[in-house]
């Protein structure tokens, strides 16, 4: 019996090590799902748009799409998208903002769409700051809304922690990247294993602008409990809006989400 138990322990230890080592070396491929595009490829968005490309050294390129609004322009929404595909995957959300008088500026992360270069947390922060600086050439801080969805919520929070903004809006945010992975396999030391940290909880503590958070109670990607762990870092007047029955990608189909978002953008 002791030999059998010892043998099973060895098997479990080997499995534990193999799974952990595999994830460590393949984490970028497992966590991020970019869809690159050729530089000359044409976008076919339903909304009018302006494409901006900013070249950098060593062949890297930042691709930005600006979606203008019709009528009087109230400001701009700097929209940081999730970990899947590219800007084209998130174009459906543009009318939520342009119908409220806001332009929408989206950037693709390195390796996503037409953006190229080394994918790293610091590179994304740097590019987000550059997007903000570009927006300041036309808009004052009280006309700039910073919006982050899923993976982009941490990027948005980091930017709002170092620059002034009218409001920070986070859709399906997370406490940190390691905490999200830890939901599924808490037996690993994810804080030491994951390269992509994005400690949203730390950034929120330095955000002086009003904050609105949307989170679905049935989110199977970033659990409601994970997003709720951000509540202690919100200021008086900030909002945490739970969408009953909402999952990770369908919050826009709920009346409560649309009503709240319209209300926030009209303030």
Protein backbone atom coordinates (compact mmCIF):
# COMPACT_ATOMS: atom_id res chain seq x y z
CA UNK A 1 0.00 0.00 0.00
CA UNK A 2 2.81 2.43 0.89
CA UNK A 3 4.56 1.73 -2.42
CA UNK A 4 1.35 2.34 -4.33
CA UNK A 5 0.74 5.63 -2.54
CA UNK A 6 4.34 6.72 -3.12
CA UNK A 7 4.04 5.84 -6.82
CA UNK A 8 0.89 7.95 -7.18
CA UNK A 9 2.54 10.82 -5.38
CA UNK A 10 5.46 10.69 -7.83
CA UNK A 11 3.03 10.62 -10.78
CA UNK A 12 1.13 13.63 -9.45
CA UNK A 13 4.36 15.54 -8.84
CA UNK A 14 5.54 14.82 -12.39
CA UNK A 15 2.18 15.94 -13.83
CA UNK A 16 2.25 19.08 -11.69
CA UNK A 17 5.75 19.95 -12.88
CA UNK A 18 5.07 19.18 -16.56
CA UNK A 19 1.88 21.26 -16.62
CA UNK A 20 3.54 24.16 -14.79
CA UNK A 21 6.65 24.18 -16.99
CA UNK A 22 4.55 23.90 -20.16
CA UNK A 23 2.37 26.82 -19.16
CA UNK A 24 5.37 28.91 -18.14
CA UNK A 25 7.02 28.65 -21.54
CA UNK A 26 3.82 28.80 -23.60
CA UNK A 27 1.93 31.36 -21.53
CA UNK A 28 1.92 34.09 -24.17
CA UNK A 29 0.42 31.74 -26.76
CA UNK A 30 -2.16 30.48 -24.27
CA UNK A 31 -3.20 33.84 -22.83
CA UNK A 32 -3.17 36.07 -25.91
CA UNK A 33 -5.02 35.43 -29.16
CA UNK A 34 -3.87 38.08 -31.65
CA UNK A 35 -4.96 38.11 -35.28
CA UNK A 36 -2.27 39.91 -37.30
CA UNK A 37 -3.00 41.67 -40.58
CA UNK A 38 -0.76 42.60 -43.50
CA UNK A 39 0.35 46.22 -43.56
CA UNK A 40 -1.42 46.84 -46.88
CA UNK A 41 -4.63 45.09 -45.96
CA UNK A 42 -7.76 47.23 -46.15
CA UNK A 43 -10.15 47.61 -43.23
CA UNK A 44 -13.87 47.28 -43.97
CA UNK A 45 -15.48 48.88 -40.96
CA UNK A 46 -19.14 49.82 -41.03
CA UNK A 47 -18.36 53.10 -39.28
CA UNK A 48 -16.34 55.91 -40.90
CA UNK A 49 -12.74 55.79 -39.74
CA UNK A 50 -9.26 57.25 -40.06
CA UNK A 51 -6.23 54.97 -39.93
CA UNK A 52 -3.01 56.20 -38.33
CA UNK A 53 0.30 54.31 -38.35
CA UNK A 54 3.23 55.35 -36.20
CA UNK A 55 6.53 53.63 -37.10
CA UNK A 56 9.22 52.98 -34.50
CA UNK A 57 12.78 51.72 -34.58
CA UNK A 58 13.51 48.07 -35.39
CA UNK A 59 10.48 47.77 -37.63
CA UNK A 60 7.74 48.12 -35.03
CA UNK A 61 4.52 49.92 -35.89
CA UNK A 62 1.61 51.25 -33.82
CA UNK A 63 -1.71 51.05 -35.66
CA UNK A 64 -4.51 53.33 -34.47
CA UNK A 65 -8.05 53.61 -35.78
CA UNK A 66 -10.02 56.79 -35.11
CA UNK A 67 -13.82 56.58 -35.40
CA UNK A 68 -15.30 60.10 -35.66
CA UNK A 69 -18.75 61.06 -34.44
CA UNK A 70 -21.38 63.06 -36.29
CA UNK A 71 -22.63 66.36 -35.02
CA UNK A 72 -21.14 68.14 -32.02
CA UNK A 73 -18.06 66.43 -30.61
CA UNK A 74 -18.10 66.18 -26.80
CA UNK A 75 -14.78 64.40 -26.50
CA UNK A 76 -12.91 61.20 -27.22
CA UNK A 77 -12.97 57.68 -25.79
CA UNK A 78 -9.57 55.97 -25.69
CA UNK A 79 -10.68 52.33 -25.97
CA UNK A 80 -8.34 49.52 -24.92
CA UNK A 81 -9.64 46.18 -26.15
CA UNK A 82 -9.34 42.61 -24.93
CA UNK A 83 -6.90 39.79 -25.72
CA UNK A 84 -8.58 38.48 -28.87
CA UNK A 85 -8.03 39.19 -32.58
CA UNK A 86 -7.69 42.93 -33.29
CA UNK A 87 -9.60 46.21 -33.53
CA UNK A 88 -12.02 44.72 -36.05
CA UNK A 89 -13.36 42.37 -33.37
CA UNK A 90 -14.42 45.35 -31.23
CA UNK A 91 -15.82 47.70 -33.87
CA UNK A 92 -19.38 46.74 -32.96
CA UNK A 93 -19.03 48.69 -29.71
CA UNK A 94 -18.12 51.97 -31.39
CA UNK A 95 -21.71 53.28 -31.78
CA UNK A 96 -22.16 53.09 -27.99
CA UNK A 97 -19.84 56.08 -27.84
CA UNK A 98 -20.21 57.88 -31.18
CA UNK A 99 -24.00 58.04 -30.67
CA UNK A 100 -23.24 59.92 -27.45
CA UNK A 101 -21.03 62.50 -29.17
CA UNK A 102 -17.65 60.89 -28.54
CA UNK A 103 -14.99 59.95 -31.03
CA UNK A 104 -13.44 56.52 -30.41
CA UNK A 105 -9.73 55.89 -30.76
CA UNK A 106 -8.54 52.28 -30.61
CA UNK A 107 -5.02 50.97 -30.83
CA UNK A 108 -3.86 47.43 -31.53
CA UNK A 109 -1.24 45.90 -29.26
CA UNK A 110 2.04 44.57 -30.75
CA UNK A 111 1.25 41.54 -32.89
CA UNK A 112 -2.43 42.45 -33.13
CA UNK A 113 -3.83 43.69 -36.43
CA UNK A 114 -1.28 45.90 -38.17
CA UNK A 115 0.67 46.72 -35.02
CA UNK A 116 4.07 45.05 -34.92
CA UNK A 117 6.98 44.76 -32.53
CA UNK A 118 7.82 43.09 -29.25
CA UNK A 119 4.79 42.27 -27.13
CA UNK A 120 5.44 43.29 -23.54
CA UNK A 121 3.53 44.88 -20.69
CA UNK A 122 5.74 47.96 -20.66
CA UNK A 123 5.47 48.39 -24.43
CA UNK A 124 1.67 48.45 -24.17
CA UNK A 125 1.81 51.01 -21.35
CA UNK A 126 4.13 53.17 -23.45
CA UNK A 127 1.85 52.97 -26.47
CA UNK A 128 -1.22 53.75 -24.36
CA UNK A 129 0.52 56.87 -23.09
CA UNK A 130 1.41 57.86 -26.64
CA UNK A 131 -2.25 57.47 -27.66
CA UNK A 132 -3.21 59.76 -24.80
CA UNK A 133 -0.62 62.35 -25.82
CA UNK A 134 -1.96 62.31 -29.37
CA UNK A 135 -5.49 62.87 -28.09
CA UNK A 136 -4.28 65.86 -26.05
CA UNK A 137 -3.42 67.68 -29.26
CA UNK A 138 -7.18 68.05 -29.83
CA UNK A 139 -8.88 67.39 -26.50
CA UNK A 140 -8.50 68.64 -22.95
CA UNK A 141 -8.34 66.07 -20.12
CA UNK A 142 -11.94 66.78 -19.10
CA UNK A 143 -13.02 65.66 -22.59
CA UNK A 144 -11.07 62.38 -22.56
CA UNK A 145 -12.69 59.16 -21.34
CA UNK A 146 -10.42 56.15 -20.82
CA UNK A 147 -12.19 52.84 -21.40
CA UNK A 148 -10.85 49.32 -20.92
CA UNK A 149 -12.48 46.01 -21.76
CA UNK A 150 -11.25 42.71 -20.28
CA UNK A 151 -7.46 42.60 -20.76
CA UNK A 152 -7.57 46.26 -21.74
CA UNK A 153 -9.12 47.24 -18.40
CA UNK A 154 -5.77 46.98 -16.63
CA UNK A 155 -4.08 48.98 -19.40
CA UNK A 156 -6.75 51.66 -19.08
CA UNK A 157 -6.38 51.77 -15.29
CA UNK A 158 -2.61 52.17 -15.58
CA UNK A 159 -3.01 55.09 -18.00
CA UNK A 160 -5.62 56.78 -15.80
CA UNK A 161 -3.25 56.43 -12.84
CA UNK A 162 -0.63 58.63 -14.53
CA UNK A 163 -2.74 61.02 -16.62
CA UNK A 164 -5.83 63.15 -16.02
CA UNK A 165 -9.10 62.01 -17.54
CA UNK A 166 -12.78 62.83 -17.33
CA UNK A 167 -13.65 59.27 -16.30
CA UNK A 168 -12.23 55.77 -16.23
CA UNK A 169 -14.66 53.05 -17.35
CA UNK A 170 -13.75 49.38 -16.92
CA UNK A 171 -15.73 46.53 -18.46
CA UNK A 172 -15.11 43.05 -16.98
CA UNK A 173 -11.88 44.07 -15.17
CA UNK A 174 -9.60 41.93 -13.03
CA UNK A 175 -7.61 42.31 -9.81
CA UNK A 176 -4.41 41.30 -11.62
CA UNK A 177 -3.45 38.92 -14.40
CA UNK A 178 -2.03 36.25 -12.06
CA UNK A 179 -5.23 36.34 -10.01
CA UNK A 180 -7.30 35.52 -13.10
CA UNK A 181 -5.19 32.47 -13.90
CA UNK A 182 -5.27 31.49 -10.25
CA UNK A 183 -9.05 31.09 -10.47
CA UNK A 184 -8.58 27.96 -12.53
CA UNK A 185 -5.48 26.39 -10.97
CA UNK A 186 -4.76 27.81 -7.50
CA UNK A 187 -2.06 25.21 -6.82
CA UNK A 188 0.61 27.14 -8.76
CA UNK A 189 2.56 30.26 -7.65
CA UNK A 190 1.16 32.37 -10.48
CA UNK A 191 2.57 35.66 -9.19
CA UNK A 192 6.04 34.30 -9.89
CA UNK A 193 5.15 32.44 -13.09
CA UNK A 194 3.12 34.96 -15.10
CA UNK A 195 5.14 37.57 -17.02
CA UNK A 196 2.12 39.79 -17.67
CA UNK A 197 1.22 41.19 -14.21
CA UNK A 198 -1.06 44.23 -14.79
CA UNK A 199 -1.95 44.89 -11.12
CA UNK A 200 -5.19 46.78 -11.69
CA UNK A 201 -5.78 47.04 -7.93
CA UNK A 202 -2.57 49.04 -7.54
CA UNK A 203 -3.38 51.41 -10.38
CA UNK A 204 -6.90 52.13 -9.12
CA UNK A 205 -5.44 53.46 -5.89
CA UNK A 206 -3.76 56.26 -7.86
CA UNK A 207 -6.72 57.18 -10.09
CA UNK A 208 -8.21 60.53 -9.10
CA UNK A 209 -10.91 60.60 -11.82
CA UNK A 210 -14.36 59.06 -11.29
CA UNK A 211 -14.44 55.32 -11.98
CA UNK A 212 -17.27 53.16 -13.32
CA UNK A 213 -16.98 49.37 -13.41
CA UNK A 214 -19.28 46.95 -15.25
CA UNK A 215 -19.16 43.25 -14.39
CA UNK A 216 -21.49 40.36 -15.19
CA UNK A 217 -22.50 37.92 -12.45
CA UNK A 218 -22.20 34.96 -14.85
CA UNK A 219 -18.78 35.84 -16.29
CA UNK A 220 -16.90 32.59 -16.80
CA UNK A 221 -13.63 34.22 -17.90
CA UNK A 222 -13.11 36.83 -15.20
CA UNK A 223 -15.32 35.83 -12.31
CA UNK A 224 -17.51 38.35 -10.58
CA UNK A 225 -15.66 37.64 -7.33
CA UNK A 226 -12.35 38.58 -8.97
CA UNK A 227 -13.65 41.90 -10.25
CA UNK A 228 -15.40 42.53 -6.92
CA UNK A 229 -12.03 42.38 -5.19
CA UNK A 230 -11.42 45.84 -6.71
CA UNK A 231 -14.21 47.41 -4.65
CA UNK A 232 -11.99 48.27 -1.65
CA UNK A 233 -9.88 50.46 -3.95
CA UNK A 234 -12.77 52.57 -5.23
CA UNK A 235 -13.34 56.11 -4.01
CA UNK A 236 -16.58 57.58 -2.69
CA UNK A 237 -18.72 58.30 -5.75
CA UNK A 238 -17.16 55.55 -7.89
CA UNK A 239 -19.54 52.90 -9.22
CA UNK A 240 -19.42 49.11 -9.37
CA UNK A 241 -22.36 47.94 -11.49
CA UNK A 242 -23.20 44.24 -11.45
CA UNK A 243 -25.13 43.00 -14.48
CA UNK A 244 -27.28 40.09 -13.31
CA UNK A 245 -26.83 37.13 -15.66
CA UNK A 246 -24.23 38.96 -17.76
CA UNK A 247 -21.24 36.99 -19.04
CA UNK A 248 -17.91 38.12 -20.42
CA UNK A 249 -18.91 39.29 -23.89
CA UNK A 250 -22.60 40.14 -23.76
CA UNK A 251 -22.93 43.05 -21.33
CA UNK A 252 -23.84 45.37 -24.21
CA UNK A 253 -27.06 43.41 -24.74
CA UNK A 254 -28.37 44.32 -21.28
CA UNK A 255 -30.56 47.39 -20.81
CA UNK A 256 -28.91 48.21 -17.49
CA UNK A 257 -25.49 48.40 -19.14
CA UNK A 258 -26.70 50.65 -21.94
CA UNK A 259 -28.66 52.92 -19.62
CA UNK A 260 -25.75 53.31 -17.23
CA UNK A 261 -23.22 53.88 -20.01
CA UNK A 262 -25.43 56.49 -21.68
CA UNK A 263 -25.90 58.18 -18.31
CA UNK A 264 -22.16 58.26 -17.61
CA UNK A 265 -21.34 59.67 -21.05
CA UNK A 266 -24.01 62.35 -20.76
CA UNK A 267 -22.60 63.79 -17.52
